[in-house]
PDB file of all heavy atoms in Angstrom:
ATOM      1  N   PHE A   1     106.078 156.595  45.688  1.00  0.00           N
ATOM      2  CA  PHE A   1     104.769 155.946  45.487  1.00  0.00           C
ATOM      3  C   PHE A   1     104.648 154.699  46.386  1.00  0.00           C
ATOM      4  O   PHE A   1     103.547 154.405  46.830  1.00  0.00           O
ATOM      5  CB  PHE A   1     104.488 155.732  44.036  1.00  0.00           C
ATOM      6  CG  PHE A   1     104.248 156.845  43.154  1.00  0.00           C
ATOM      7  CD1 PHE A   1     104.813 156.998  41.936  1.00  0.00           C
ATOM      8  CD2 PHE A   1     103.527 157.909  43.596  1.00  0.00           C
ATOM      9  CE1 PHE A   1     104.677 158.130  41.145  1.00  0.00           C
ATOM     10  CE2 PHE A   1     103.315 159.084  42.888  1.00  0.00           C
ATOM     11  CZ  PHE A   1     103.916 159.137  41.595  1.00  0.00           C
ATOM     12  N   ALA A   2     105.724 153.959  46.568  1.00  0.00           N
ATOM     13  CA  ALA A   2     105.830 152.822  47.392  1.00  0.00           C
ATOM     14  C   ALA A   2     105.380 153.294  48.830  1.00  0.00           C
ATOM     15  O   ALA A   2     104.740 152.564  49.575  1.00  0.00           O
ATOM     16  CB  ALA A   2     107.119 152.122  47.355  1.00  0.00           C
ATOM     17  N   GLU A   3     105.909 154.415  49.226  1.00  0.00           N
ATOM     18  CA  GLU A   3     105.647 154.950  50.601  1.00  0.00           C
ATOM     19  C   GLU A   3     104.192 155.288  50.775  1.00  0.00           C
ATOM     20  O   GLU A   3     103.570 155.010  51.820  1.00  0.00           O
ATOM     21  CB  GLU A   3     106.501 156.220  50.865  1.00  0.00           C
ATOM     22  CG  GLU A   3     108.024 155.894  51.092  1.00  0.00           C
ATOM     23  CD  GLU A   3     108.765 157.190  51.273  1.00  0.00           C
ATOM     24  OE1 GLU A   3     108.156 158.179  51.547  1.00  0.00           O
ATOM     25  OE2 GLU A   3     110.039 157.081  51.308  1.00  0.00           O
ATOM     26  N   VAL A   4     103.599 155.899  49.735  1.00  0.00           N
ATOM     27  CA  VAL A   4     102.174 156.187  49.779  1.00  0.00           C
ATOM     28  C   VAL A   4     101.346 154.940  49.997  1.00  0.00           C
ATOM     29  O   VAL A   4     100.501 154.791  50.823  1.00  0.00           O
ATOM     30  CB  VAL A   4     101.741 156.890  48.487  1.00  0.00           C
ATOM     31  CG1 VAL A   4     100.166 157.113  48.508  1.00  0.00           C
ATOM     32  CG2 VAL A   4     102.397 158.262  48.370  1.00  0.00           C
ATOM     33  N   ALA A   5     101.549 153.850  49.214  1.00  0.00           N
ATOM     34  CA  ALA A   5     100.843 152.633  49.259  1.00  0.00           C
ATOM     35  C   ALA A   5     101.038 151.978  50.649  1.00  0.00           C
ATOM     36  O   ALA A   5     100.071 151.520  51.254  1.00  0.00           O
ATOM     37  CB  ALA A   5     101.305 151.692  48.133  1.00  0.00           C
ATOM     38  N   ALA A   6     102.257 151.916  51.124  1.00  0.00           N
ATOM     39  CA  ALA A   6     102.569 151.239  52.364  1.00  0.00           C
ATOM     40  C   ALA A   6     102.007 151.937  53.619  1.00  0.00           C
ATOM     41  O   ALA A   6     101.418 151.387  54.418  1.00  0.00           O
ATOM     42  CB  ALA A   6     104.107 151.064  52.529  1.00  0.00           C
ATOM     43  N   TRP A   7     102.237 153.278  53.616  1.00  0.00           N
ATOM     44  CA  TRP A   7     101.718 154.070  54.732  1.00  0.00           C
ATOM     45  C   TRP A   7     100.139 154.019  54.826  1.00  0.00           C
ATOM     46  O   TRP A   7      99.625 153.960  55.953  1.00  0.00           O
ATOM     47  CB  TRP A   7     102.097 155.548  54.584  1.00  0.00           C
ATOM     48  CG  TRP A   7     103.450 155.837  55.217  1.00  0.00           C
ATOM     49  CD1 TRP A   7     104.642 156.126  54.579  1.00  0.00           C
ATOM     50  CD2 TRP A   7     103.779 155.834  56.616  1.00  0.00           C
ATOM     51  NE1 TRP A   7     105.696 156.338  55.529  1.00  0.00           N
ATOM     52  CE2 TRP A   7     105.156 156.174  56.785  1.00  0.00           C
ATOM     53  CE3 TRP A   7     103.055 155.532  57.769  1.00  0.00           C
ATOM     54  CZ2 TRP A   7     105.762 156.287  57.988  1.00  0.00           C
ATOM     55  CZ3 TRP A   7     103.673 155.633  58.948  1.00  0.00           C
ATOM     56  CH2 TRP A   7     105.071 155.998  59.082  1.00  0.00           C
ATOM     57  N   PHE A   8      99.568 153.956  53.754  1.00  0.00           N
ATOM     58  CA  PHE A   8      98.030 153.928  53.715  1.00  0.00           C
ATOM     59  C   PHE A   8      97.531 152.619  54.335  1.00  0.00           C
ATOM     60  O   PHE A   8      96.712 152.673  55.262  1.00  0.00           O
ATOM     61  CB  PHE A   8      97.450 154.036  52.299  1.00  0.00           C
ATOM     62  CG  PHE A   8      96.005 154.120  52.142  1.00  0.00           C
ATOM     63  CD1 PHE A   8      95.258 154.758  53.195  1.00  0.00           C
ATOM     64  CD2 PHE A   8      95.375 153.695  51.093  1.00  0.00           C
ATOM     65  CE1 PHE A   8      93.906 154.821  53.149  1.00  0.00           C
ATOM     66  CE2 PHE A   8      93.997 153.878  50.916  1.00  0.00           C
ATOM     67  CZ  PHE A   8      93.228 154.477  52.002  1.00  0.00           C
ATOM     68  N   LEU A   9      98.099 151.546  54.014  1.00  0.00           N
ATOM     69  CA  LEU A   9      97.733 150.251  54.584  1.00  0.00           C
ATOM     70  C   LEU A   9      98.011 150.197  56.163  1.00  0.00           C
ATOM     71  O   LEU A   9      97.225 149.765  56.904  1.00  0.00           O
ATOM     72  CB  LEU A   9      98.347 149.055  53.865  1.00  0.00           C
ATOM     73  CG  LEU A   9      97.967 147.709  54.359  1.00  0.00           C
ATOM     74  CD1 LEU A   9      96.345 147.522  54.268  1.00  0.00           C
ATOM     75  CD2 LEU A   9      98.620 146.534  53.467  1.00  0.00           C
ATOM     76  N   ILE A  10      99.189 150.639  56.472  1.00  0.00           N
ATOM     77  CA  ILE A  10      99.641 150.695  57.886  1.00  0.00           C
ATOM     78  C   ILE A  10      98.620 151.536  58.645  1.00  0.00           C
ATOM     79  O   ILE A  10      98.172 151.208  59.750  1.00  0.00           O
ATOM     80  CB  ILE A  10     101.059 151.163  58.021  1.00  0.00           C
ATOM     81  CG1 ILE A  10     102.100 150.175  57.405  1.00  0.00           C
ATOM     82  CG2 ILE A  10     101.447 151.419  59.497  1.00  0.00           C
ATOM     83  CD1 ILE A  10     103.430 150.609  57.326  1.00  0.00           C
ATOM     84  N   HIS A  11      98.313 152.733  58.166  1.00  0.00           N
ATOM     85  CA  HIS A  11      97.453 153.617  58.828  1.00  0.00           C
ATOM     86  C   HIS A  11      96.006 153.015  59.032  1.00  0.00           C
ATOM     87  O   HIS A  11      95.419 153.191  60.008  1.00  0.00           O
ATOM     88  CB  HIS A  11      97.326 154.930  58.030  1.00  0.00           C
ATOM     89  CG  HIS A  11      96.423 155.952  58.632  1.00  0.00           C
ATOM     90  ND1 HIS A  11      96.679 156.624  59.826  1.00  0.00           N
ATOM     91  CD2 HIS A  11      95.234 156.415  58.264  1.00  0.00           C
ATOM     92  CE1 HIS A  11      95.750 157.466  60.159  1.00  0.00           C
ATOM     93  NE2 HIS A  11      94.864 157.415  59.207  1.00  0.00           N
ATOM     94  N   LEU A  12      95.619 152.288  57.979  1.00  0.00           N
ATOM     95  CA  LEU A  12      94.265 151.659  58.105  1.00  0.00           C
ATOM     96  C   LEU A  12      94.309 150.534  59.166  1.00  0.00           C
ATOM     97  O   LEU A  12      93.276 150.443  59.866  1.00  0.00           O
ATOM     98  CB  LEU A  12      93.886 151.078  56.701  1.00  0.00           C
ATOM     99  CG  LEU A  12      93.536 152.106  55.666  1.00  0.00           C
ATOM    100  CD1 LEU A  12      93.198 151.357  54.371  1.00  0.00           C
ATOM    101  CD2 LEU A  12      92.424 153.041  56.115  1.00  0.00           C
ATOM    102  N   GLU A  13      95.418 149.875  59.321  1.00  0.00           N
ATOM    103  CA  GLU A  13      95.546 148.901  60.401  1.00  0.00           C
ATOM    104  C   GLU A  13      95.368 149.596  61.788  1.00  0.00           C
ATOM    105  O   GLU A  13      94.715 149.004  62.664  1.00  0.00           O
ATOM    106  CB  GLU A  13      96.931 148.194  60.367  1.00  0.00           C
ATOM    107  CG  GLU A  13      97.117 147.259  59.155  1.00  0.00           C
ATOM    108  CD  GLU A  13      98.514 146.741  59.013  1.00  0.00           C
ATOM    109  OE1 GLU A  13      99.144 146.652  60.098  1.00  0.00           O
ATOM    110  OE2 GLU A  13      99.008 146.465  57.946  1.00  0.00           O
ATOM    111  N   LEU A  14      95.967 150.727  61.891  1.00  0.00           N
ATOM    112  CA  LEU A  14      95.802 151.478  63.152  1.00  0.00           C
ATOM    113  C   LEU A  14      94.439 152.034  63.350  1.00  0.00           C
ATOM    114  O   LEU A  14      94.092 152.406  64.518  1.00  0.00           O
ATOM    115  CB  LEU A  14      96.836 152.613  63.144  1.00  0.00           C
ATOM    116  CG  LEU A  14      98.343 152.224  63.131  1.00  0.00           C
ATOM    117  CD1 LEU A  14      99.234 153.460  62.988  1.00  0.00           C
ATOM    118  CD2 LEU A  14      98.781 151.476  64.334  1.00  0.00           C
ATOM    119  N   SER A  15      93.714 152.129  62.283  1.00  0.00           N
ATOM    120  CA  SER A  15      92.316 152.629  62.333  1.00  0.00           C
ATOM    121  C   SER A  15      91.275 151.623  62.854  1.00  0.00           C
ATOM    122  O   SER A  15      90.205 152.045  63.277  1.00  0.00           O
ATOM    123  CB  SER A  15      91.888 153.130  60.980  1.00  0.00           C
ATOM    124  OG  SER A  15      92.815 154.097  60.456  1.00  0.00           O
ATOM    125  N   ILE A  16      91.655 150.428  62.786  1.00  0.00           N
ATOM    126  CA  ILE A  16      90.735 149.324  63.124  1.00  0.00           C
ATOM    127  C   ILE A  16      90.097 149.442  64.504  1.00  0.00           C
ATOM    128  O   ILE A  16      88.892 149.412  64.632  1.00  0.00           O
ATOM    129  CB  ILE A  16      91.307 147.850  62.965  1.00  0.00           C
ATOM    130  CG1 ILE A  16      91.634 147.679  61.492  1.00  0.00           C
ATOM    131  CG2 ILE A  16      90.434 146.822  63.589  1.00  0.00           C
ATOM    132  CD1 ILE A  16      90.424 147.511  60.630  1.00  0.00           C
ATOM    133  N   PRO A  17      90.854 149.740  65.575  1.00  0.00           N
ATOM    134  CA  PRO A  17      90.251 149.807  66.917  1.00  0.00           C
ATOM    135  C   PRO A  17      89.577 151.163  67.151  1.00  0.00           C
ATOM    136  O   PRO A  17      88.924 151.381  68.176  1.00  0.00           O
ATOM    137  CB  PRO A  17      91.425 149.672  67.870  1.00  0.00           C
ATOM    138  CG  PRO A  17      92.615 150.146  67.057  1.00  0.00           C
ATOM    139  CD  PRO A  17      92.333 149.697  65.678  1.00  0.00           C
ATOM    140  N   VAL A  18      89.707 152.100  66.212  1.00  0.00           N
ATOM    141  CA  VAL A  18      89.187 153.475  66.351  1.00  0.00           C
ATOM    142  C   VAL A  18      87.848 153.715  65.642  1.00  0.00           C
ATOM    143  O   VAL A  18      86.958 154.333  66.154  1.00  0.00           O
ATOM    144  CB  VAL A  18      90.242 154.486  65.833  1.00  0.00           C
ATOM    145  CG1 VAL A  18      89.734 155.934  66.041  1.00  0.00           C
ATOM    146  CG2 VAL A  18      91.520 154.328  66.565  1.00  0.00           C
ATOM    147  N   LEU A  19      87.799 153.100  64.437  1.00  0.00           N
ATOM    148  CA  LEU A  19      86.616 153.377  63.629  1.00  0.00           C
ATOM    149  C   LEU A  19      85.743 152.117  63.452  1.00  0.00           C
ATOM    150  O   LEU A  19      86.277 150.984  63.380  1.00  0.00           O
ATOM    151  CB  LEU A  19      87.020 153.840  62.176  1.00  0.00           C
ATOM    152  CG  LEU A  19      87.889 155.116  62.114  1.00  0.00           C
ATOM    153  CD1 LEU A  19      88.260 155.415  60.628  1.00  0.00           C
ATOM    154  CD2 LEU A  19      87.073 156.330  62.679  1.00  0.00           C
ATOM    155  N   THR A  20      84.423 152.245  63.294  1.00  0.00           N
ATOM    156  CA  THR A  20      83.531 151.150  62.950  1.00  0.00           C
ATOM    157  C   THR A  20      83.776 150.762  61.526  1.00  0.00           C
ATOM    158  O   THR A  20      84.276 151.556  60.737  1.00  0.00           O
ATOM    159  CB  THR A  20      82.035 151.529  63.281  1.00  0.00           C
ATOM    160  OG1 THR A  20      81.705 152.598  62.359  1.00  0.00           O
ATOM    161  CG2 THR A  20      81.854 151.940  64.688  1.00  0.00           C
ATOM    162  N   ARG A  21      83.169 149.665  61.116  1.00  0.00           N
ATOM    163  CA  ARG A  21      83.325 149.280  59.748  1.00  0.00           C
ATOM    164  C   ARG A  21      82.689 150.274  58.764  1.00  0.00           C
ATOM    165  O   ARG A  21      83.385 150.641  57.799  1.00  0.00           O
ATOM    166  CB  ARG A  21      82.647 147.850  59.538  1.00  0.00           C
ATOM    167  CG  ARG A  21      82.874 147.335  58.046  1.00  0.00           C
ATOM    168  CD  ARG A  21      82.290 145.898  57.961  1.00  0.00           C
ATOM    169  NE  ARG A  21      82.544 145.376  56.623  1.00  0.00           N
ATOM    170  CZ  ARG A  21      83.019 144.189  56.373  1.00  0.00           C
ATOM    171  NH1 ARG A  21      83.239 143.406  57.309  1.00  0.00           N
ATOM    172  NH2 ARG A  21      83.119 143.804  55.100  1.00  0.00           N
ATOM    173  N   PRO A  22      81.516 150.677  59.000  1.00  0.00           N
ATOM    174  CA  PRO A  22      80.990 151.703  58.073  1.00  0.00           C
ATOM    175  C   PRO A  22      81.831 153.009  57.965  1.00  0.00           C
ATOM    176  O   PRO A  22      81.956 153.651  56.991  1.00  0.00           O
ATOM    177  CB  PRO A  22      79.613 152.037  58.664  1.00  0.00           C
ATOM    178  CG  PRO A  22      79.216 150.789  59.405  1.00  0.00           C
ATOM    179  CD  PRO A  22      80.471 150.320  59.954  1.00  0.00           C
ATOM    180  N   GLU A  23      82.345 153.451  59.177  1.00  0.00           N
ATOM    181  CA  GLU A  23      83.191 154.571  59.231  1.00  0.00           C
ATOM    182  C   GLU A  23      84.490 154.403  58.481  1.00  0.00           C
ATOM    183  O   GLU A  23      84.973 155.345  57.736  1.00  0.00           O
ATOM    184  CB  GLU A  23      83.525 154.956  60.710  1.00  0.00           C
ATOM    185  CG  GLU A  23      82.398 155.574  61.467  1.00  0.00           C
ATOM    186  CD  GLU A  23      82.620 155.741  62.925  1.00  0.00           C
ATOM    187  OE1 GLU A  23      83.573 154.975  63.414  1.00  0.00           O
ATOM    188  OE2 GLU A  23      81.996 156.561  63.590  1.00  0.00           O
ATOM    189  N   MET A  24      84.967 153.190  58.560  1.00  0.00           N
ATOM    190  CA  MET A  24      86.240 152.852  57.897  1.00  0.00           C
ATOM    191  C   MET A  24      85.957 152.912  56.346  1.00  0.00           C
ATOM    192  O   MET A  24      86.849 153.393  55.551  1.00  0.00           O
ATOM    193  CB  MET A  24      86.698 151.475  58.198  1.00  0.00           C
ATOM    194  CG  MET A  24      87.548 151.330  59.477  1.00  0.00           C
ATOM    195  SD  MET A  24      89.292 151.855  59.209  1.00  0.00           S
ATOM    196  CE  MET A  24      89.897 150.451  58.321  1.00  0.00           C
ATOM    197  N   ILE A  25      84.827 152.355  55.895  1.00  0.00           N
ATOM    198  CA  ILE A  25      84.522 152.380  54.483  1.00  0.00           C
ATOM    199  C   ILE A  25      84.486 153.804  53.886  1.00  0.00           C
ATOM    200  O   ILE A  25      85.084 154.127  52.801  1.00  0.00           O
ATOM    201  CB  ILE A  25      83.259 151.665  54.157  1.00  0.00           C
ATOM    202  CG1 ILE A  25      83.353 150.134  54.561  1.00  0.00           C
ATOM    203  CG2 ILE A  25      82.904 151.717  52.658  1.00  0.00           C
ATOM    204  CD1 ILE A  25      84.386 149.431  53.891  1.00  0.00           C
ATOM    205  N   ASP A  26      83.767 154.662  54.655  1.00  0.00           N
ATOM    206  CA  ASP A  26      83.732 156.056  54.284  1.00  0.00           C
ATOM    207  C   ASP A  26      85.108 156.723  54.283  1.00  0.00           C
ATOM    208  O   ASP A  26      85.459 157.498  53.367  1.00  0.00           O
ATOM    209  CB  ASP A  26      82.775 156.850  55.208  1.00  0.00           C
ATOM    210  CG  ASP A  26      81.344 156.450  54.960  1.00  0.00           C
ATOM    211  OD1 ASP A  26      81.018 155.874  53.936  1.00  0.00           O
ATOM    212  OD2 ASP A  26      80.508 156.710  55.913  1.00  0.00           O
ATOM    213  N   TYR A  27      85.880 156.378  55.245  1.00  0.00           N
ATOM    214  CA  TYR A  27      87.239 156.985  55.459  1.00  0.00           C
ATOM    215  C   TYR A  27      88.118 156.538  54.303  1.00  0.00           C
ATOM    216  O   TYR A  27      88.855 157.371  53.705  1.00  0.00           O
ATOM    217  CB  TYR A  27      87.785 156.619  56.819  1.00  0.00           C
ATOM    218  CG  TYR A  27      89.173 157.176  57.102  1.00  0.00           C
ATOM    219  CD1 TYR A  27      89.362 158.561  57.154  1.00  0.00           C
ATOM    220  CD2 TYR A  27      90.335 156.380  57.315  1.00  0.00           C
ATOM    221  CE1 TYR A  27      90.586 159.129  57.424  1.00  0.00           C
ATOM    222  CE2 TYR A  27      91.490 156.951  57.618  1.00  0.00           C
ATOM    223  CZ  TYR A  27      91.642 158.324  57.675  1.00  0.00           C
ATOM    224  OH  TYR A  27      92.892 158.818  57.869  1.00  0.00           O
ATOM    225  N   ILE A  28      88.127 155.274  53.907  1.00  0.00           N
ATOM    226  CA  ILE A  28      88.896 154.731  52.823  1.00  0.00           C
ATOM    227  C   ILE A  28      88.579 155.506  51.454  1.00  0.00           C
ATOM    228  O   ILE A  28      89.398 155.894  50.740  1.00  0.00           O
ATOM    229  CB  ILE A  28      88.781 153.265  52.710  1.00  0.00           C
ATOM    230  CG1 ILE A  28      89.377 152.597  53.989  1.00  0.00           C
ATOM    231  CG2 ILE A  28      89.418 152.719  51.421  1.00  0.00           C
ATOM    232  CD1 ILE A  28      89.007 151.086  53.992  1.00  0.00           C
ATOM    233  N   ASN A  29      87.239 155.640  51.282  1.00  0.00           N
ATOM    234  CA  ASN A  29      86.804 156.352  50.048  1.00  0.00           C
ATOM    235  C   ASN A  29      87.283 157.808  49.986  1.00  0.00           C
ATOM    236  O   ASN A  29      87.724 158.352  49.006  1.00  0.00           O
ATOM    237  CB  ASN A  29      85.296 156.359  49.954  1.00  0.00           C
ATOM    238  CG  ASN A  29      84.811 155.046  49.413  1.00  0.00           C
ATOM    239  OD1 ASN A  29      85.375 154.502  48.439  1.00  0.00           O
ATOM    240  ND2 ASN A  29      83.688 154.542  49.956  1.00  0.00           N
ATOM    241  N   GLU A  30      87.229 158.458  51.276  1.00  0.00           N
ATOM    242  CA  GLU A  30      87.803 159.830  51.416  1.00  0.00           C
ATOM    243  C   GLU A  30      89.299 159.878  50.986  1.00  0.00           C
ATOM    244  O   GLU A  30      89.645 160.839  50.281  1.00  0.00           O
ATOM    245  CB  GLU A  30      87.569 160.286  52.818  1.00  0.00           C
ATOM    246  CG  GLU A  30      88.100 161.648  53.196  1.00  0.00           C
ATOM    247  CD  GLU A  30      88.038 161.927  54.618  1.00  0.00           C
ATOM    248  OE1 GLU A  30      86.988 161.504  55.291  1.00  0.00           O
ATOM    249  OE2 GLU A  30      89.024 162.613  55.182  1.00  0.00           O
ATOM    250  N   ILE A  31      90.017 158.959  51.490  1.00  0.00           N
ATOM    251  CA  ILE A  31      91.569 159.069  51.210  1.00  0.00           C
ATOM    252  C   ILE A  31      91.809 158.772  49.782  1.00  0.00           C
ATOM    253  O   ILE A  31      92.703 159.355  49.198  1.00  0.00           O
ATOM    254  CB  ILE A  31      92.259 158.129  52.195  1.00  0.00           C
ATOM    255  CG1 ILE A  31      91.981 158.464  53.660  1.00  0.00           C
ATOM    256  CG2 ILE A  31      93.786 158.205  51.898  1.00  0.00           C
ATOM    257  CD1 ILE A  31      92.233 159.928  54.046  1.00  0.00           C
ATOM    258  N   LEU A  32      91.085 157.778  49.251  1.00  0.00           N
ATOM    259  CA  LEU A  32      91.359 157.423  47.866  1.00  0.00           C
ATOM    260  C   LEU A  32      91.053 158.594  46.825  1.00  0.00           C
ATOM    261  O   LEU A  32      91.591 158.591  45.760  1.00  0.00           O
ATOM    262  CB  LEU A  32      90.488 156.207  47.493  1.00  0.00           C
ATOM    263  CG  LEU A  32      90.925 154.870  48.089  1.00  0.00           C
ATOM    264  CD1 LEU A  32      89.919 153.785  47.806  1.00  0.00           C
ATOM    265  CD2 LEU A  32      92.331 154.440  47.538  1.00  0.00           C
ATOM    266  N   GLU A  33      90.322 159.568  47.283  1.00  0.00           N
ATOM    267  CA  GLU A  33      89.997 160.753  46.469  1.00  0.00           C
ATOM    268  C   GLU A  33      91.103 161.815  46.499  1.00  0.00           C
ATOM    269  O   GLU A  33      91.129 162.710  45.741  1.00  0.00           O
ATOM    270  CB  GLU A  33      88.656 161.322  46.858  1.00  0.00           C
ATOM    271  CG  GLU A  33      87.431 160.460  46.460  1.00  0.00           C
ATOM    272  CD  GLU A  33      87.382 160.248  44.964  1.00  0.00           C
ATOM    273  OE1 GLU A  33      87.570 161.257  44.226  1.00  0.00           O
ATOM    274  OE2 GLU A  33      87.154 159.090  44.525  1.00  0.00           O
ATOM    275  N   LEU A  34      92.115 161.686  47.504  1.00  0.00           N
ATOM    276  CA  LEU A  34      93.087 162.627  47.577  1.00  0.00           C
ATOM    277  C   LEU A  34      93.910 162.702  46.380  1.00  0.00           C
ATOM    278  O   LEU A  34      94.300 161.623  45.807  1.00  0.00           O
ATOM    279  CB  LEU A  34      93.915 162.473  48.850  1.00  0.00           C
ATOM    280  CG  LEU A  34      93.197 162.602  50.151  1.00  0.00           C
ATOM    281  CD1 LEU A  34      94.029 162.188  51.367  1.00  0.00           C
ATOM    282  CD2 LEU A  34      92.749 164.003  50.402  1.00  0.00           C
ATOM    283  N   PRO A  35      94.380 163.886  45.949  1.00  0.00           N
ATOM    284  CA  PRO A  35      95.129 163.910  44.627  1.00  0.00           C
ATOM    285  C   PRO A  35      96.337 163.036  44.477  1.00  0.00           C
ATOM    286  O   PRO A  35      96.497 162.368  43.559  1.00  0.00           O
ATOM    287  CB  PRO A  35      95.628 165.410  44.596  1.00  0.00           C
ATOM    288  CG  PRO A  35      94.589 166.135  45.410  1.00  0.00           C
ATOM    289  CD  PRO A  35      94.243 165.169  46.488  1.00  0.00           C
ATOM    290  N   ARG A  36      97.262 162.946  45.493  1.00  0.00           N
ATOM    291  CA  ARG A  36      98.463 162.148  45.366  1.00  0.00           C
ATOM    292  C   ARG A  36      98.136 160.642  45.543  1.00  0.00           C
ATOM    293  O   ARG A  36      98.914 159.886  44.918  1.00  0.00           O
ATOM    294  CB  ARG A  36      99.483 162.585  46.477  1.00  0.00           C
ATOM    295  CG  ARG A  36     100.540 163.609  46.021  1.00  0.00           C
ATOM    296  CD  ARG A  36      99.992 164.878  45.377  1.00  0.00           C
ATOM    297  NE  ARG A  36      99.217 165.618  46.293  1.00  0.00           N
ATOM    298  CZ  ARG A  36      98.656 166.844  46.010  1.00  0.00           C
ATOM    299  NH1 ARG A  36      98.730 167.232  44.819  1.00  0.00           N
ATOM    300  NH2 ARG A  36      97.892 167.430  46.899  1.00  0.00           N
ATOM    301  N   PHE A  37      97.097 160.304  46.145  1.00  0.00           N
ATOM    302  CA  PHE A  37      96.654 158.909  46.220  1.00  0.00           C
ATOM    303  C   PHE A  37      96.097 158.498  44.753  1.00  0.00           C
ATOM    304  O   PHE A  37      96.437 157.378  44.389  1.00  0.00           O
ATOM    305  CB  PHE A  37      95.596 158.670  47.262  1.00  0.00           C
ATOM    306  CG  PHE A  37      96.296 158.651  48.718  1.00  0.00           C
ATOM    307  CD1 PHE A  37      96.617 159.837  49.297  1.00  0.00           C
ATOM    308  CD2 PHE A  37      96.484 157.429  49.365  1.00  0.00           C
ATOM    309  CE1 PHE A  37      97.145 159.825  50.617  1.00  0.00           C
ATOM    310  CE2 PHE A  37      97.036 157.434  50.573  1.00  0.00           C
ATOM    311  CZ  PHE A  37      97.392 158.635  51.200  1.00  0.00           C
ATOM    312  N   GLN A  38      95.505 159.357  44.159  1.00  0.00           N
ATOM    313  CA  GLN A  38      95.031 159.060  42.755  1.00  0.00           C
ATOM    314  C   GLN A  38      96.204 158.920  41.839  1.00  0.00           C
ATOM    315  O   GLN A  38      96.205 158.074  40.976  1.00  0.00           O
ATOM    316  CB  GLN A  38      93.959 160.120  42.311  1.00  0.00           C
ATOM    317  CG  GLN A  38      92.710 160.016  43.027  1.00  0.00           C
ATOM    318  CD  GLN A  38      91.625 160.873  42.366  1.00  0.00           C
ATOM    319  OE1 GLN A  38      91.845 161.376  41.262  1.00  0.00           O
ATOM    320  NE2 GLN A  38      90.502 160.971  42.955  1.00  0.00           N
ATOM    321  N   ILE A  39      97.191 159.899  41.983  1.00  0.00           N
ATOM    322  CA  ILE A  39      98.345 159.805  41.160  1.00  0.00           C
ATOM    323  C   ILE A  39      99.111 158.543  41.380  1.00  0.00           C
ATOM    324  O   ILE A  39      99.587 157.892  40.373  1.00  0.00           O
ATOM    325  CB  ILE A  39      99.279 161.008  41.441  1.00  0.00           C
ATOM    326  CG1 ILE A  39      98.649 162.325  40.983  1.00  0.00           C
ATOM    327  CG2 ILE A  39     100.645 160.842  40.765  1.00  0.00           C
ATOM    328  CD1 ILE A  39      99.429 163.611  41.386  1.00  0.00           C
TER     329      ILE A  39
END
């Protein structure tokens, strides 16, 4: 579970130059709905 939490934040850092702020918000909501992220 530590890996899930850490990888998610690192991946979002890499997403900053790729996605706009509204796109990032939608993307974060999308990932938070994934089964293992909810677990």
